[in-house]
Amino acid sequence: MTVLTQLGWSEFFANAYKPLQAQGFGVGRVSVENRDCYSVLTEQGEIIAEVAGRLRYARESSADLPKVGDWAALQIFEEGTRAIIHELLPRRTKFSRKVAGKTFDEQVLATNIDVVFIVQSLDGNYNLRRLERSLVMVNESGARPVFILNKTDLCDDLENKLAEVSALRQDVPVVAVSARHDPLVTELKSYIKACETFAFIGSSGVGKSTLINRIAGKEIQKTSEVRAVDSKGRHTTTRRELFLLEEGGCLIDTPGMRELQLWHADEGLTETFPDIDALAEQCHFSDCSHTKEKRCSVLAALDTGELEQERYTSYMKLQKELEFLASKDSRSSYEARKKDRELGKMYKQIQQQQRRTKKQS
């Protein structure tokens, strides 16, 4: 298995790389985004790279610059120790949020991810609505979500919590683990596959870095204690970083995020709330807002108890956020997102076909 294959190289990227390879460019995967440069993993090892001026000044936003997980076309020099990034290969998947504060812009957290582990701890950090919000964003990214409930040793109603999280979306796996007391995290490791990329997201103090250390079998991320009074932790992880595992496969850790604002997640909302989406299709009015209209199937389900009030409230809140983003949007950014979604759908279809072929054989 080549280094590039271990890093997640596939036919999708190979086809995009062919014309750039013909121009003499090398290729590598961005592992760290620093202030003025990037760490890039290549077949020759780790290289420090800078962005070409043309790429930097032609960008429409910071989202167009290299991010952790990107594959980049490189001009390598100085005996293979430094490089210039000239192009980025198309992103298969992209995990984004709106930048914190009032600024209207996209912040790409990581790219080309196969599975996102949504980590939450079973202490004071536990929050179903936060899990729901995270699931919307992961669904929109194109990656496969997995819920990780950490710190089972601090939970006295585990079965109830598992049932609550499983009900959010029944086809999303839920893994319960105690990173502190289970050094092997065997069930979690079963989801780690060679040649795929896995990202961990969650608030500070939920145990992401500890879980990564358990999977890697060594301490590659620093950890710190969590305040007992409010179950909050310090930002031990201060940057996004991609790690190559010895057995193949990549892990991406992200700093704990206090703000997780949506960034254009129409399809992600639909995938996260398929029950409400199915009800909405039965509404009398095609443009029903599900707030006051007569013959609204969503409100009817709310009245009968078929739909829980908290889930309805969460859905409406997320829907309003998306409507606000759409009102601020421009045609150019809409077209860019449409292209990203088409690429994501194409890759999902390829993956599904490959899984079906594998089962048949």
Protein backbone atom coordinates (compact mmCIF):
# COMPACT_ATOMS: atom_id res chain seq x y z
CA MET A 1 0.00 0.00 0.00
CA THR A 2 1.50 3.34 -1.04
CA VAL A 3 1.65 6.37 1.24
CA LEU A 4 -0.85 8.22 -0.95
CA THR A 5 -3.30 5.31 -0.72
CA GLN A 6 -2.95 5.31 3.07
CA LEU A 7 -3.70 9.03 3.01
CA GLY A 8 -6.99 8.43 1.19
CA TRP A 9 -5.94 8.74 -2.45
CA SER A 10 -8.56 7.32 -4.79
CA GLU A 11 -9.60 7.19 -8.42
CA PHE A 12 -11.67 10.34 -7.85
CA PHE A 13 -8.54 12.36 -7.06
CA ALA A 14 -6.34 10.52 -9.56
CA ASN A 15 -8.59 11.56 -12.45
CA ALA A 16 -8.56 15.21 -11.32
CA TYR A 17 -4.78 15.10 -10.92
CA LYS A 18 -3.91 13.78 -14.41
CA PRO A 19 -3.75 17.16 -16.23
CA LEU A 20 -1.77 18.68 -13.34
CA GLN A 21 0.61 15.73 -13.30
CA ALA A 22 1.19 16.26 -17.02
CA GLN A 23 2.34 19.79 -16.14
CA GLY A 24 4.98 18.38 -13.79
CA PHE A 25 3.25 19.04 -10.45
CA GLY A 26 3.60 16.72 -7.49
CA VAL A 27 0.75 15.99 -5.09
CA GLY A 28 0.23 15.88 -1.35
CA ARG A 29 -2.40 16.18 1.36
CA VAL A 30 -2.65 19.17 3.70
CA SER A 31 -2.20 18.02 7.31
CA VAL A 32 -1.86 21.35 9.15
CA GLU A 33 -2.90 24.91 8.31
CA ASN A 34 -0.56 27.43 9.92
CA ARG A 35 -0.75 31.21 9.79
CA ASP A 36 1.56 31.65 6.78
CA CYS A 37 2.26 28.12 5.55
CA TYR A 38 1.00 24.55 5.47
CA SER A 39 2.29 21.12 6.38
CA VAL A 40 1.68 18.73 3.50
CA LEU A 41 2.10 14.93 3.57
CA THR A 42 3.61 13.44 0.40
CA GLU A 43 5.24 10.20 -0.73
CA GLN A 44 8.58 11.80 0.13
CA GLY A 45 7.46 12.75 3.65
CA GLU A 46 6.20 15.98 5.23
CA ILE A 47 6.82 19.20 3.31
CA ILE A 48 6.32 22.84 4.32
CA ALA A 49 4.35 24.63 1.58
CA GLU A 50 3.14 28.12 0.76
CA VAL A 51 0.28 29.16 -1.49
CA ALA A 52 1.09 30.52 -4.94
CA GLY A 53 0.25 34.19 -5.35
CA ARG A 54 -2.13 33.50 -8.22
CA LEU A 55 -4.16 31.06 -6.11
CA ARG A 56 -4.20 33.40 -3.11
CA TYR A 57 -5.36 36.48 -4.98
CA ALA A 58 -7.84 34.70 -7.27
CA ARG A 59 -9.83 33.31 -4.36
CA GLU A 60 -13.35 34.58 -3.68
CA SER A 61 -13.12 33.86 0.05
CA SER A 62 -10.87 32.16 2.61
CA ALA A 63 -12.83 28.95 1.96
CA ASP A 64 -11.04 28.67 -1.39
CA LEU A 65 -7.61 28.43 0.26
CA PRO A 66 -6.11 25.08 1.32
CA LYS A 67 -7.69 23.45 4.36
CA VAL A 68 -6.81 20.38 6.39
CA GLY A 69 -7.71 17.34 4.29
CA ASP A 70 -7.27 19.02 0.91
CA TRP A 71 -5.24 17.41 -1.87
CA ALA A 72 -2.91 19.92 -3.47
CA ALA A 73 -0.86 20.13 -6.67
CA LEU A 74 2.68 21.08 -5.64
CA GLN A 75 5.81 22.54 -7.16
CA ILE A 76 8.46 20.88 -4.98
CA PHE A 77 11.95 22.31 -4.58
CA GLU A 78 14.87 22.63 -2.11
CA GLU A 79 15.58 18.89 -2.24
CA GLY A 80 11.99 17.97 -1.42
CA THR A 81 11.68 19.97 1.79
CA ARG A 82 9.59 22.91 0.59
CA ALA A 83 6.87 23.48 -1.98
CA ILE A 84 4.38 25.91 -3.50
CA ILE A 85 0.69 24.98 -3.71
CA HIS A 86 -0.58 25.88 -7.19
CA GLU A 87 -3.96 24.14 -7.33
CA LEU A 88 -6.40 22.28 -5.12
CA LEU A 89 -8.04 19.10 -6.34
CA PRO A 90 -11.87 19.01 -6.15
CA ARG A 91 -13.19 18.35 -2.65
CA ARG A 92 -15.20 15.16 -2.27
CA THR A 93 -16.73 16.30 0.99
CA LYS A 94 -16.49 19.55 2.94
CA PHE A 95 -17.38 20.24 6.57
CA SER A 96 -18.17 23.94 7.01
CA ARG A 97 -19.76 26.37 9.42
CA LYS A 98 -20.49 30.08 9.39
CA VAL A 99 -17.61 32.02 10.91
CA ALA A 100 -18.19 33.05 14.51
CA GLY A 101 -19.75 36.44 15.15
CA LYS A 102 -21.70 38.66 12.76
CA THR A 103 -19.39 38.25 9.77
CA PHE A 104 -21.11 36.49 6.85
CA ASP A 105 -18.56 34.03 5.50
CA GLU A 106 -17.84 30.33 5.31
CA GLN A 107 -15.25 28.64 7.49
CA VAL A 108 -14.15 25.29 6.10
CA LEU A 109 -13.09 23.12 9.03
CA ALA A 110 -11.86 20.09 7.08
CA THR A 111 -12.29 18.41 3.70
CA ASN A 112 -12.38 15.00 2.03
CA ILE A 113 -13.70 13.24 5.14
CA ASP A 114 -15.37 9.82 4.94
CA VAL A 115 -16.75 9.61 8.50
CA VAL A 116 -17.37 12.30 11.11
CA PHE A 117 -17.54 11.18 14.73
CA ILE A 118 -19.89 13.52 16.58
CA VAL A 119 -18.59 13.29 20.14
CA GLN A 120 -20.57 14.22 23.21
CA SER A 121 -19.90 13.29 26.82
CA LEU A 122 -22.49 11.85 29.18
CA ASP A 123 -21.92 14.41 31.93
CA GLY A 124 -23.18 18.00 32.01
CA ASN A 125 -22.20 18.36 28.33
CA TYR A 126 -25.00 16.06 27.12
CA ASN A 127 -27.40 17.97 24.86
CA LEU A 128 -29.69 16.40 22.26
CA ARG A 129 -30.27 19.64 20.42
CA ARG A 130 -26.53 20.19 19.96
CA LEU A 131 -26.25 16.67 18.56
CA GLU A 132 -29.07 17.47 16.15
CA ARG A 133 -27.34 20.64 14.96
CA SER A 134 -24.06 18.77 14.46
CA LEU A 135 -25.87 16.06 12.52
CA VAL A 136 -27.34 18.63 10.11
CA MET A 137 -23.85 19.92 9.34
CA VAL A 138 -22.33 16.47 8.90
CA ASN A 139 -25.16 15.39 6.60
CA GLU A 140 -24.61 18.50 4.49
CA SER A 141 -20.86 17.82 4.30
CA GLY A 142 -21.37 14.53 2.47
CA ALA A 143 -19.56 12.46 5.12
CA ARG A 144 -21.11 9.60 7.08
CA PRO A 145 -22.05 10.48 10.69
CA VAL A 146 -21.43 8.35 13.79
CA PHE A 147 -22.51 9.43 17.29
CA ILE A 148 -19.94 8.84 20.05
CA LEU A 149 -21.21 9.08 23.63
CA ASN A 150 -18.12 9.26 25.85
CA LYS A 151 -17.72 8.98 29.64
CA THR A 152 -20.22 6.19 30.23
CA ASP A 153 -18.68 5.85 33.69
CA LEU A 154 -20.32 9.18 34.62
CA CYS A 155 -23.82 8.21 33.43
CA ASP A 156 -26.42 6.41 35.55
CA ASP A 157 -29.12 6.20 32.84
CA LEU A 158 -27.13 5.01 29.83
CA GLU A 159 -29.94 3.01 28.22
CA ASN A 160 -32.23 6.06 28.24
CA LYS A 161 -29.52 8.26 26.69
CA LEU A 162 -28.80 5.66 24.00
CA ALA A 163 -32.50 5.50 23.14
CA GLU A 164 -32.76 9.30 22.92
CA VAL A 165 -29.77 9.64 20.60
CA SER A 166 -30.78 6.67 18.44
CA ALA A 167 -34.19 8.28 17.92
CA LEU A 168 -32.61 11.36 16.30
CA ARG A 169 -31.94 9.30 13.19
CA GLN A 170 -32.18 5.53 13.31
CA ASP A 171 -29.63 4.78 10.58
CA VAL A 172 -26.80 6.64 12.35
CA PRO A 173 -24.66 4.34 14.54
CA VAL A 174 -24.35 5.22 18.24
CA VAL A 175 -21.24 4.11 20.12
CA ALA A 176 -21.04 4.39 23.92
CA VAL A 177 -17.54 4.37 25.39
CA SER A 178 -15.43 5.39 28.36
CA ALA A 179 -12.11 6.60 26.94
CA ARG A 180 -10.63 6.83 30.43
CA HIS A 181 -11.55 3.30 31.56
CA ASP A 182 -11.47 1.43 28.23
CA PRO A 183 -7.99 1.89 26.70
CA LEU A 184 -8.83 -0.41 23.75
CA VAL A 185 -12.09 1.35 22.69
CA THR A 186 -12.74 -1.78 20.66
CA GLU A 187 -16.19 -0.88 19.33
CA LEU A 188 -15.03 2.55 18.20
CA LYS A 189 -11.96 1.08 16.48
CA SER A 190 -14.23 -1.17 14.41
CA TYR A 191 -15.30 1.93 12.45
CA ILE A 192 -11.71 2.86 11.54
CA LYS A 193 -10.84 1.55 8.09
CA ALA A 194 -7.60 1.78 6.13
CA CYS A 195 -7.48 4.40 3.36
CA GLU A 196 -10.40 6.38 4.82
CA THR A 197 -10.44 9.71 6.68
CA PHE A 198 -12.16 10.23 10.02
CA ALA A 199 -12.81 13.52 11.79
CA PHE A 200 -13.80 14.19 15.40
CA ILE A 201 -16.02 17.14 16.30
CA GLY A 202 -17.47 18.19 19.64
CA SER A 203 -17.24 20.71 22.45
CA SER A 204 -14.15 21.17 24.60
CA GLY A 205 -13.84 18.55 27.29
CA VAL A 206 -15.85 15.76 25.65
CA GLY A 207 -12.71 13.63 25.22
CA LYS A 208 -11.91 13.87 21.49
CA SER A 209 -8.13 13.96 22.00
CA THR A 210 -8.22 11.06 24.46
CA LEU A 211 -10.23 8.97 22.00
CA ILE A 212 -7.75 9.76 19.23
CA ASN A 213 -4.87 8.70 21.48
CA ARG A 214 -6.67 5.43 22.23
CA ILE A 215 -7.24 4.71 18.53
CA ALA A 216 -3.64 5.57 17.63
CA GLY A 217 -2.28 3.51 20.52
CA LYS A 218 -0.05 6.36 21.63
CA GLU A 219 -0.30 9.96 22.79
CA ILE A 220 -0.43 12.11 19.68
CA GLN A 221 -2.70 14.77 21.22
CA LYS A 222 -2.41 16.50 24.59
CA THR A 223 -5.29 16.12 27.04
CA SER A 224 -6.43 18.10 30.07
CA GLU A 225 -8.86 17.75 32.97
CA VAL A 226 -12.46 18.97 32.77
CA ARG A 227 -13.96 21.34 35.35
CA ALA A 228 -16.30 19.30 37.56
CA VAL A 229 -18.56 22.29 38.23
CA ASP A 230 -19.79 22.69 34.64
CA SER A 231 -18.23 19.76 32.69
CA LYS A 232 -16.33 22.20 30.47
CA GLY A 233 -12.77 21.70 29.31
CA ARG A 234 -9.94 23.88 28.12
CA HIS A 235 -8.99 24.03 24.43
CA THR A 236 -6.21 21.41 24.59
CA THR A 237 -6.43 21.04 20.80
CA THR A 238 -5.68 24.47 19.34
CA ARG A 239 -5.63 23.65 15.63
CA ARG A 240 -7.02 21.18 13.14
CA GLU A 241 -4.54 18.47 12.29
CA LEU A 242 -4.53 15.32 10.17
CA PHE A 243 -2.71 12.26 11.52
CA LEU A 244 -1.74 9.20 9.46
CA LEU A 245 -2.29 5.98 11.41
CA GLU A 246 0.33 3.24 11.24
CA GLU A 247 -2.19 0.71 9.90
CA GLY A 248 -3.50 3.17 7.29
CA GLY A 249 -6.31 5.66 7.46
CA CYS A 250 -6.27 9.26 8.68
CA LEU A 251 -7.67 10.99 11.76
CA ILE A 252 -8.53 14.70 11.92
CA ASP A 253 -8.92 16.34 15.31
CA THR A 254 -10.60 19.73 15.64
CA PRO A 255 -10.57 22.28 18.49
CA GLY A 256 -13.67 22.33 20.69
CA MET A 257 -16.27 24.62 19.14
CA ARG A 258 -18.38 26.88 21.33
CA GLU A 259 -20.29 28.20 18.31
CA LEU A 260 -21.58 25.80 15.69
CA GLN A 261 -23.46 28.04 13.29
CA LEU A 262 -24.95 26.50 10.16
CA TRP A 263 -23.59 27.27 6.74
CA HIS A 264 -26.13 26.55 3.98
CA ALA A 265 -27.40 23.11 4.99
CA ASP A 266 -30.71 22.68 3.17
CA GLU A 267 -30.12 19.03 2.28
CA GLY A 268 -28.51 18.40 5.66
CA LEU A 269 -31.68 19.60 7.38
CA THR A 270 -33.83 17.30 5.26
CA GLU A 271 -31.60 14.29 5.98
CA THR A 272 -31.58 15.03 9.71
CA PHE A 273 -35.37 15.47 10.00
CA PRO A 274 -36.78 12.91 7.53
CA ASP A 275 -39.88 12.49 9.71
CA ILE A 276 -40.76 16.19 9.50
CA ASP A 277 -39.85 16.30 5.81
CA ALA A 278 -42.26 13.41 5.14
CA LEU A 279 -45.02 15.20 7.06
CA ALA A 280 -44.35 18.45 5.17
CA GLU A 281 -44.97 16.68 1.86
CA GLN A 282 -48.54 16.01 3.04
CA CYS A 283 -49.31 19.65 3.86
CA HIS A 284 -52.14 21.22 1.88
CA PHE A 285 -50.01 24.22 0.82
CA SER A 286 -46.73 23.58 -0.99
CA ASP A 287 -45.15 26.64 0.64
CA CYS A 288 -46.45 25.83 4.12
CA SER A 289 -44.36 27.42 6.88
CA HIS A 290 -45.63 24.91 9.50
CA THR A 291 -46.45 27.72 11.91
CA LYS A 292 -50.14 28.65 11.57
CA GLU A 293 -51.56 27.28 8.33
CA LYS A 294 -54.72 25.17 8.28
CA ARG A 295 -54.40 21.58 7.05
CA CYS A 296 -50.70 21.57 8.00
CA SER A 297 -49.61 17.97 8.56
CA VAL A 298 -46.65 19.00 10.70
CA LEU A 299 -48.83 20.96 13.14
CA ALA A 300 -51.37 18.13 13.15
CA ALA A 301 -48.66 15.66 14.14
CA LEU A 302 -47.59 18.08 16.86
CA ASP A 303 -51.14 18.21 18.24
CA THR A 304 -51.52 14.43 18.33
CA GLY A 305 -48.12 13.86 19.93
CA GLU A 306 -46.74 12.04 16.89
CA LEU A 307 -44.11 14.79 16.68
CA GLU A 308 -42.36 15.93 19.87
CA GLN A 309 -42.47 19.64 20.70
CA GLU A 310 -38.70 19.88 21.30
CA ARG A 311 -37.87 18.27 17.96
CA TYR A 312 -40.31 20.57 16.16
CA THR A 313 -38.82 23.64 17.91
CA SER A 314 -35.30 22.56 17.01
CA TYR A 315 -36.29 22.05 13.37
CA MET A 316 -37.95 25.47 13.10
CA LYS A 317 -34.97 27.20 14.71
CA LEU A 318 -32.54 25.60 12.26
CA GLN A 319 -34.89 26.37 9.37
CA LYS A 320 -34.94 30.07 10.30
CA GLU A 321 -31.13 30.15 10.40
CA LEU A 322 -30.99 28.72 6.90
CA GLU A 323 -33.56 31.20 5.62
CA PHE A 324 -31.48 34.04 7.05
CA LEU A 325 -28.36 32.70 5.33
CA ALA A 326 -30.24 32.41 2.04
CA SER A 327 -31.36 36.04 2.32
CA LYS A 328 -27.71 37.09 2.62
CA ASP A 329 -26.51 34.83 -0.15
CA SER A 330 -25.37 35.75 -3.66
CA ARG A 331 -25.87 33.93 -6.94
CA SER A 332 -22.17 33.11 -7.31
CA SER A 333 -21.94 31.41 -3.94
CA TYR A 334 -25.16 29.54 -4.68
CA GLU A 335 -23.66 28.12 -7.88
CA ALA A 336 -20.48 27.12 -6.04
CA ARG A 337 -22.46 25.25 -3.39
CA LYS A 338 -24.55 23.58 -6.09
CA LYS A 339 -21.37 22.27 -7.73
CA ASP A 340 -20.06 21.01 -4.37
CA ARG A 341 -23.34 19.17 -3.71
CA GLU A 342 -23.27 17.55 -7.16
CA LEU A 343 -19.72 16.28 -6.55
CA GLY A 344 -20.77 14.98 -3.14
CA LYS A 345 -23.80 13.17 -4.57
CA MET A 346 -21.69 11.62 -7.33
CA TYR A 347 -19.18 10.28 -4.81
CA LYS A 348 -21.95 8.89 -2.56
CA GLN A 349 -23.41 7.03 -5.54
CA ILE A 350 -19.98 5.57 -6.38
CA GLN A 351 -19.53 4.43 -2.76
CA GLN A 352 -22.99 2.82 -2.65
CA GLN A 353 -22.34 0.98 -5.92
CA GLN A 354 -18.97 -0.26 -4.65
CA ARG A 355 -20.60 -1.54 -1.42
CA ARG A 356 -23.33 -3.32 -3.40
CA THR A 357 -20.74 -4.92 -5.73
CA LYS A 358 -18.68 -6.04 -2.72
CA LYS A 359 -21.73 -7.67 -1.08
CA GLN A 360 -22.66 -9.46 -4.30
CA SER A 361 -19.14 -10.86 -4.71
